[in-house]
Amino acid sequence: MPYSKVDLSADSLQKAPILKILTEIGLYGIHKGKVAKARELFASLETAVPALPSAKAGLAFSHLVVNEFEEAQAGFEEVLRKWPDYSEASALLALTLILGGKKDEAASHLAKLKDLEGPVADLAKQLLS
């Protein structure tokens, strides 16, 4: 019996139900103050599925929420080197830069996002004002 072709692109992996659920669990953990546990989850996801951008972005986000701006910046920059079109990571990098006192650096990221549609564009417009 022939095997069907499996799509392992970053976009496809982001939409895989179990990976999406695990990412959401990690983000919920951060929201509930369980940052260390969320980091463990994101690190495990990143090891298991290196092509999953939300795992690396979740890890970077875990640094942002506890004001570890240098670590968050490095994480989001790594995500964007691998997945330059990941607009959520770009918006979160801009937010990280602003909160870390680097508003001028953030402006270039926000300018690229403001013409998009949806929540990312809305955030970019708010941060630019």
N, C-alpha and C. Protein backbone atom coordinates (compact mmCIF):
# COMPACT_ATOMS: atom_id res chain seq x y z
N MET A 1 0.85 -1.18 0.00
CA MET A 1 0.00 0.00 0.00
C MET A 1 0.90 1.24 0.00
N PRO A 2 0.73 2.16 -0.95
CA PRO A 2 1.58 3.36 -1.00
C PRO A 2 1.18 4.34 0.11
N TYR A 3 2.20 5.04 0.59
CA TYR A 3 1.96 6.06 1.61
C TYR A 3 1.56 7.36 0.95
N SER A 4 0.70 8.09 1.60
CA SER A 4 0.32 9.39 1.06
C SER A 4 1.41 10.40 1.41
N LYS A 5 1.50 11.41 0.59
CA LYS A 5 2.49 12.47 0.79
C LYS A 5 2.10 13.30 2.01
N VAL A 6 3.06 13.60 2.87
CA VAL A 6 2.79 14.38 4.08
C VAL A 6 3.38 15.77 3.90
N ASP A 7 2.58 16.77 4.14
CA ASP A 7 3.03 18.16 4.03
C ASP A 7 3.63 18.59 5.36
N LEU A 8 4.94 18.79 5.38
CA LEU A 8 5.63 19.20 6.60
C LEU A 8 6.08 20.65 6.54
N SER A 9 5.40 21.45 5.72
CA SER A 9 5.74 22.87 5.67
C SER A 9 5.36 23.55 6.97
N ALA A 10 6.01 24.67 7.25
CA ALA A 10 5.72 25.40 8.49
C ALA A 10 4.24 25.78 8.56
N ASP A 11 3.67 26.20 7.44
CA ASP A 11 2.26 26.60 7.43
C ASP A 11 1.36 25.41 7.77
N SER A 12 1.66 24.26 7.19
CA SER A 12 0.87 23.07 7.46
C SER A 12 1.02 22.63 8.92
N LEU A 13 2.24 22.67 9.44
CA LEU A 13 2.46 22.27 10.82
C LEU A 13 1.74 23.20 11.79
N GLN A 14 1.71 24.50 11.49
CA GLN A 14 1.02 25.45 12.35
C GLN A 14 -0.45 25.09 12.49
N LYS A 15 -1.00 24.45 11.45
CA LYS A 15 -2.43 24.13 11.44
C LYS A 15 -2.73 22.72 11.93
N ALA A 16 -1.69 21.91 12.18
CA ALA A 16 -1.91 20.55 12.67
C ALA A 16 -2.60 20.62 14.03
N PRO A 17 -3.76 19.99 14.16
CA PRO A 17 -4.54 20.16 15.39
C PRO A 17 -3.77 19.90 16.69
N ILE A 18 -3.04 18.82 16.78
CA ILE A 18 -2.37 18.52 18.04
C ILE A 18 -1.27 19.54 18.33
N LEU A 19 -0.56 19.97 17.31
CA LEU A 19 0.51 20.95 17.52
C LEU A 19 -0.07 22.31 17.89
N LYS A 20 -1.19 22.64 17.27
CA LYS A 20 -1.87 23.89 17.60
C LYS A 20 -2.37 23.86 19.05
N ILE A 21 -2.92 22.74 19.46
CA ILE A 21 -3.41 22.60 20.83
C ILE A 21 -2.25 22.70 21.83
N LEU A 22 -1.15 22.03 21.54
CA LEU A 22 0.01 22.08 22.45
C LEU A 22 0.56 23.51 22.55
N THR A 23 0.59 24.21 21.44
CA THR A 23 1.04 25.61 21.46
C THR A 23 0.09 26.45 22.32
N GLU A 24 -1.20 26.24 22.14
CA GLU A 24 -2.19 26.98 22.94
C GLU A 24 -2.07 26.66 24.43
N ILE A 25 -1.78 25.42 24.76
CA ILE A 25 -1.58 25.04 26.16
C ILE A 25 -0.38 25.80 26.73
N GLY A 26 0.69 25.89 25.96
CA GLY A 26 1.86 26.64 26.41
C GLY A 26 1.54 28.11 26.64
N LEU A 27 0.81 28.71 25.72
CA LEU A 27 0.43 30.12 25.87
C LEU A 27 -0.50 30.31 27.07
N TYR A 28 -1.40 29.37 27.28
CA TYR A 28 -2.29 29.44 28.44
C TYR A 28 -1.48 29.33 29.74
N GLY A 29 -0.48 28.45 29.72
CA GLY A 29 0.39 28.33 30.88
C GLY A 29 1.09 29.64 31.20
N ILE A 30 1.56 30.32 30.18
CA ILE A 30 2.18 31.64 30.38
C ILE A 30 1.17 32.59 31.00
N HIS A 31 -0.03 32.60 30.44
CA HIS A 31 -1.10 33.47 30.95
C HIS A 31 -1.38 33.21 32.43
N LYS A 32 -1.28 31.95 32.83
CA LYS A 32 -1.57 31.58 34.23
C LYS A 32 -0.33 31.67 35.12
N GLY A 33 0.79 32.20 34.57
CA GLY A 33 1.99 32.38 35.39
C GLY A 33 2.89 31.16 35.48
N LYS A 34 2.61 30.15 34.70
CA LYS A 34 3.43 28.93 34.70
C LYS A 34 4.48 29.01 33.58
N VAL A 35 5.30 30.06 33.64
CA VAL A 35 6.25 30.35 32.58
C VAL A 35 7.28 29.22 32.43
N ALA A 36 7.81 28.72 33.53
CA ALA A 36 8.83 27.66 33.45
C ALA A 36 8.26 26.40 32.79
N LYS A 37 7.04 26.03 33.15
CA LYS A 37 6.41 24.85 32.54
C LYS A 37 6.13 25.09 31.06
N ALA A 38 5.69 26.29 30.73
CA ALA A 38 5.44 26.62 29.33
C ALA A 38 6.74 26.55 28.53
N ARG A 39 7.82 27.03 29.11
CA ARG A 39 9.11 26.96 28.42
C ARG A 39 9.52 25.51 28.17
N GLU A 40 9.26 24.65 29.14
CA GLU A 40 9.57 23.22 28.95
C GLU A 40 8.77 22.66 27.78
N LEU A 41 7.49 23.02 27.72
CA LEU A 41 6.64 22.54 26.64
C LEU A 41 7.13 23.05 25.29
N PHE A 42 7.40 24.35 25.19
CA PHE A 42 7.86 24.91 23.92
C PHE A 42 9.21 24.34 23.51
N ALA A 43 10.11 24.13 24.46
CA ALA A 43 11.41 23.54 24.14
C ALA A 43 11.24 22.11 23.63
N SER A 44 10.34 21.36 24.24
CA SER A 44 10.07 19.99 23.79
C SER A 44 9.46 19.99 22.39
N LEU A 45 8.53 20.90 22.15
CA LEU A 45 7.94 21.01 20.81
C LEU A 45 8.99 21.37 19.77
N GLU A 46 9.86 22.30 20.14
CA GLU A 46 10.90 22.73 19.20
C GLU A 46 11.85 21.57 18.88
N THR A 47 12.17 20.77 19.86
CA THR A 47 13.04 19.61 19.65
C THR A 47 12.33 18.57 18.77
N ALA A 48 11.07 18.30 19.07
CA ALA A 48 10.32 17.28 18.34
C ALA A 48 9.97 17.70 16.92
N VAL A 49 9.67 18.99 16.76
CA VAL A 49 9.21 19.50 15.45
C VAL A 49 9.94 20.80 15.15
N PRO A 50 11.21 20.72 14.71
CA PRO A 50 11.99 21.94 14.49
C PRO A 50 11.38 22.89 13.46
N ALA A 51 10.52 22.38 12.60
CA ALA A 51 9.90 23.23 11.57
C ALA A 51 8.63 23.91 12.05
N LEU A 52 8.40 23.94 13.36
CA LEU A 52 7.20 24.55 13.92
C LEU A 52 7.54 25.94 14.46
N PRO A 53 7.22 27.00 13.71
CA PRO A 53 7.61 28.35 14.15
C PRO A 53 6.97 28.77 15.47
N SER A 54 5.76 28.30 15.74
CA SER A 54 5.09 28.75 16.96
C SER A 54 5.78 28.23 18.22
N ALA A 55 6.53 27.14 18.14
CA ALA A 55 7.26 26.65 19.32
C ALA A 55 8.36 27.63 19.70
N LYS A 56 9.14 28.06 18.72
CA LYS A 56 10.21 29.03 18.98
C LYS A 56 9.63 30.38 19.37
N ALA A 57 8.55 30.78 18.72
CA ALA A 57 7.92 32.05 19.05
C ALA A 57 7.32 32.01 20.45
N GLY A 58 6.75 30.88 20.84
CA GLY A 58 6.21 30.74 22.19
C GLY A 58 7.29 30.85 23.25
N LEU A 59 8.44 30.27 22.96
CA LEU A 59 9.57 30.37 23.88
C LEU A 59 10.02 31.83 23.99
N ALA A 60 10.10 32.53 22.87
CA ALA A 60 10.47 33.95 22.90
C ALA A 60 9.44 34.76 23.67
N PHE A 61 8.16 34.45 23.44
CA PHE A 61 7.09 35.15 24.15
C PHE A 61 7.19 34.95 25.66
N SER A 62 7.61 33.77 26.07
CA SER A 62 7.75 33.50 27.51
C SER A 62 8.80 34.41 28.14
N HIS A 63 9.75 34.86 27.36
CA HIS A 63 10.74 35.82 27.87
C HIS A 63 10.16 37.23 27.90
N LEU A 64 9.37 37.55 26.88
CA LEU A 64 8.77 38.88 26.82
C LEU A 64 7.89 39.16 28.03
N VAL A 65 7.08 38.19 28.44
CA VAL A 65 6.11 38.43 29.51
C VAL A 65 6.75 38.62 30.88
N VAL A 66 8.01 38.24 31.02
CA VAL A 66 8.70 38.45 32.30
C VAL A 66 9.82 39.48 32.15
N ASN A 67 9.66 40.35 31.15
CA ASN A 67 10.57 41.48 30.92
C ASN A 67 12.01 41.07 30.63
N GLU A 68 12.21 39.91 30.07
CA GLU A 68 13.54 39.49 29.61
C GLU A 68 13.64 39.85 28.12
N PHE A 69 13.79 41.15 27.89
CA PHE A 69 13.67 41.68 26.54
C PHE A 69 14.79 41.23 25.61
N GLU A 70 16.00 41.13 26.10
CA GLU A 70 17.11 40.69 25.23
C GLU A 70 16.87 39.26 24.74
N GLU A 71 16.46 38.38 25.64
CA GLU A 71 16.20 36.99 25.27
C GLU A 71 15.00 36.90 24.32
N ALA A 72 13.97 37.69 24.60
CA ALA A 72 12.79 37.70 23.72
C ALA A 72 13.18 38.20 22.34
N GLN A 73 13.94 39.29 22.28
CA GLN A 73 14.37 39.84 21.00
C GLN A 73 15.15 38.80 20.21
N ALA A 74 16.11 38.16 20.86
CA ALA A 74 16.92 37.14 20.18
C ALA A 74 16.04 36.00 19.65
N GLY A 75 15.06 35.59 20.45
CA GLY A 75 14.17 34.51 20.03
C GLY A 75 13.32 34.89 18.83
N PHE A 76 12.70 36.07 18.88
CA PHE A 76 11.86 36.50 17.75
C PHE A 76 12.71 36.73 16.49
N GLU A 77 13.92 37.25 16.67
CA GLU A 77 14.79 37.44 15.51
C GLU A 77 15.17 36.11 14.87
N GLU A 78 15.39 35.09 15.71
CA GLU A 78 15.68 33.76 15.18
C GLU A 78 14.49 33.20 14.41
N VAL A 79 13.30 33.38 14.95
CA VAL A 79 12.08 32.94 14.25
C VAL A 79 12.00 33.61 12.89
N LEU A 80 12.24 34.92 12.85
CA LEU A 80 12.10 35.66 11.59
C LEU A 80 13.21 35.36 10.59
N ARG A 81 14.37 34.93 11.06
CA ARG A 81 15.41 34.49 10.12
C ARG A 81 14.96 33.22 9.39
N LYS A 82 14.29 32.33 10.12
CA LYS A 82 13.83 31.08 9.52
C LYS A 82 12.51 31.24 8.77
N TRP A 83 11.62 32.07 9.31
CA TRP A 83 10.29 32.26 8.75
C TRP A 83 10.00 33.76 8.62
N PRO A 84 10.58 34.43 7.63
CA PRO A 84 10.47 35.89 7.52
C PRO A 84 9.05 36.42 7.34
N ASP A 85 8.13 35.58 6.92
CA ASP A 85 6.75 36.04 6.71
C ASP A 85 5.83 35.78 7.90
N TYR A 86 6.40 35.38 9.03
CA TYR A 86 5.61 35.08 10.23
C TYR A 86 5.28 36.42 10.90
N SER A 87 4.15 37.00 10.49
CA SER A 87 3.80 38.37 10.90
C SER A 87 3.59 38.50 12.41
N GLU A 88 3.07 37.47 13.05
CA GLU A 88 2.87 37.54 14.50
C GLU A 88 4.20 37.70 15.23
N ALA A 89 5.22 36.98 14.76
CA ALA A 89 6.55 37.10 15.38
C ALA A 89 7.13 38.49 15.13
N SER A 90 6.87 39.04 13.97
CA SER A 90 7.36 40.38 13.67
C SER A 90 6.68 41.42 14.57
N ALA A 91 5.39 41.27 14.77
CA ALA A 91 4.66 42.19 15.66
C ALA A 91 5.15 42.06 17.10
N LEU A 92 5.37 40.84 17.54
CA LEU A 92 5.85 40.64 18.91
C LEU A 92 7.29 41.11 19.08
N LEU A 93 8.09 41.00 18.02
CA LEU A 93 9.44 41.56 18.07
C LEU A 93 9.35 43.08 18.23
N ALA A 94 8.48 43.71 17.47
CA ALA A 94 8.31 45.16 17.58
C ALA A 94 7.87 45.55 18.99
N LEU A 95 6.92 44.82 19.55
CA LEU A 95 6.47 45.10 20.92
C LEU A 95 7.63 44.92 21.91
N THR A 96 8.41 43.88 21.72
CA THR A 96 9.58 43.63 22.57
C THR A 96 10.55 44.80 22.50
N LEU A 97 10.81 45.28 21.30
CA LEU A 97 11.73 46.40 21.13
C LEU A 97 11.20 47.66 21.82
N ILE A 98 9.92 47.92 21.68
CA ILE A 98 9.32 49.09 22.32
C ILE A 98 9.44 48.98 23.84
N LEU A 99 9.04 47.85 24.37
CA LEU A 99 9.09 47.67 25.82
C LEU A 99 10.53 47.68 26.34
N GLY A 100 11.46 47.28 25.50
CA GLY A 100 12.87 47.29 25.88
C GLY A 100 13.57 48.62 25.63
N GLY A 101 12.79 49.64 25.25
CA GLY A 101 13.35 50.98 25.06
C GLY A 101 13.98 51.20 23.70
N LYS A 102 13.62 50.40 22.70
CA LYS A 102 14.20 50.52 21.36
C LYS A 102 13.12 50.84 20.33
N LYS A 103 12.37 51.90 20.59
CA LYS A 103 11.22 52.24 19.74
C LYS A 103 11.62 52.51 18.29
N ASP A 104 12.78 53.14 18.09
CA ASP A 104 13.20 53.42 16.71
C ASP A 104 13.41 52.14 15.91
N GLU A 105 13.97 51.12 16.54
CA GLU A 105 14.16 49.83 15.86
C GLU A 105 12.81 49.19 15.54
N ALA A 106 11.86 49.37 16.40
CA ALA A 106 10.55 48.75 16.22
C ALA A 106 9.80 49.32 15.02
N ALA A 107 10.03 50.58 14.72
CA ALA A 107 9.27 51.26 13.66
C ALA A 107 9.37 50.56 12.31
N SER A 108 10.54 50.05 11.96
CA SER A 108 10.68 49.39 10.65
C SER A 108 9.86 48.11 10.58
N HIS A 109 9.79 47.38 11.68
CA HIS A 109 8.98 46.16 11.70
C HIS A 109 7.49 46.50 11.61
N LEU A 110 7.09 47.53 12.33
CA LEU A 110 5.69 47.92 12.34
C LEU A 110 5.23 48.46 11.00
N ALA A 111 6.11 49.19 10.32
CA ALA A 111 5.74 49.76 9.02
C ALA A 111 5.39 48.67 8.02
N LYS A 112 6.07 47.54 8.09
CA LYS A 112 5.80 46.43 7.17
C LYS A 112 4.46 45.77 7.48
N LEU A 113 4.01 45.88 8.71
CA LEU A 113 2.82 45.16 9.14
C LEU A 113 1.53 45.96 9.03
N LYS A 114 1.64 47.27 9.03
CA LYS A 114 0.44 48.09 9.13
C LYS A 114 -0.51 47.96 7.94
N ASP A 115 0.00 47.51 6.81
CA ASP A 115 -0.85 47.37 5.62
C ASP A 115 -1.51 46.00 5.50
N LEU A 116 -1.20 45.11 6.43
CA LEU A 116 -1.84 43.80 6.43
C LEU A 116 -3.27 43.93 6.95
N GLU A 117 -4.01 42.84 6.89
CA GLU A 117 -5.37 42.79 7.42
C GLU A 117 -5.35 42.03 8.75
N GLY A 118 -6.26 42.36 9.64
CA GLY A 118 -6.46 41.58 10.85
C GLY A 118 -5.74 42.10 12.08
N PRO A 119 -5.67 41.26 13.10
CA PRO A 119 -5.17 41.68 14.41
C PRO A 119 -3.71 42.14 14.40
N VAL A 120 -2.89 41.53 13.56
CA VAL A 120 -1.48 41.94 13.50
C VAL A 120 -1.36 43.37 12.99
N ALA A 121 -2.12 43.69 11.95
CA ALA A 121 -2.11 45.05 11.41
C ALA A 121 -2.67 46.04 12.43
N ASP A 122 -3.71 45.63 13.11
CA ASP A 122 -4.30 46.50 14.14
C ASP A 122 -3.29 46.81 15.25
N LEU A 123 -2.57 45.78 15.69
CA LEU A 123 -1.54 45.98 16.72
C LEU A 123 -0.44 46.91 16.20
N ALA A 124 -0.02 46.70 14.96
CA ALA A 124 1.02 47.54 14.37
C ALA A 124 0.59 49.00 14.34
N LYS A 125 -0.64 49.26 13.93
CA LYS A 125 -1.16 50.63 13.87
C LYS A 125 -1.21 51.25 15.26
N GLN A 126 -1.64 50.49 16.24
CA GLN A 126 -1.70 51.01 17.61
C GLN A 126 -0.30 51.33 18.12
N LEU A 127 0.65 50.46 17.87
CA LEU A 127 2.01 50.68 18.37
C LEU A 127 2.71 51.83 17.64
N LEU A 128 2.31 52.09 16.40
CA LEU A 128 2.92 53.19 15.65
C LEU A 128 2.39 54.54 16.12
N SER A 129 1.20 54.56 16.71
CA SER A 129 0.61 55.85 17.12
C SER A 129 1.13 56.32 18.46
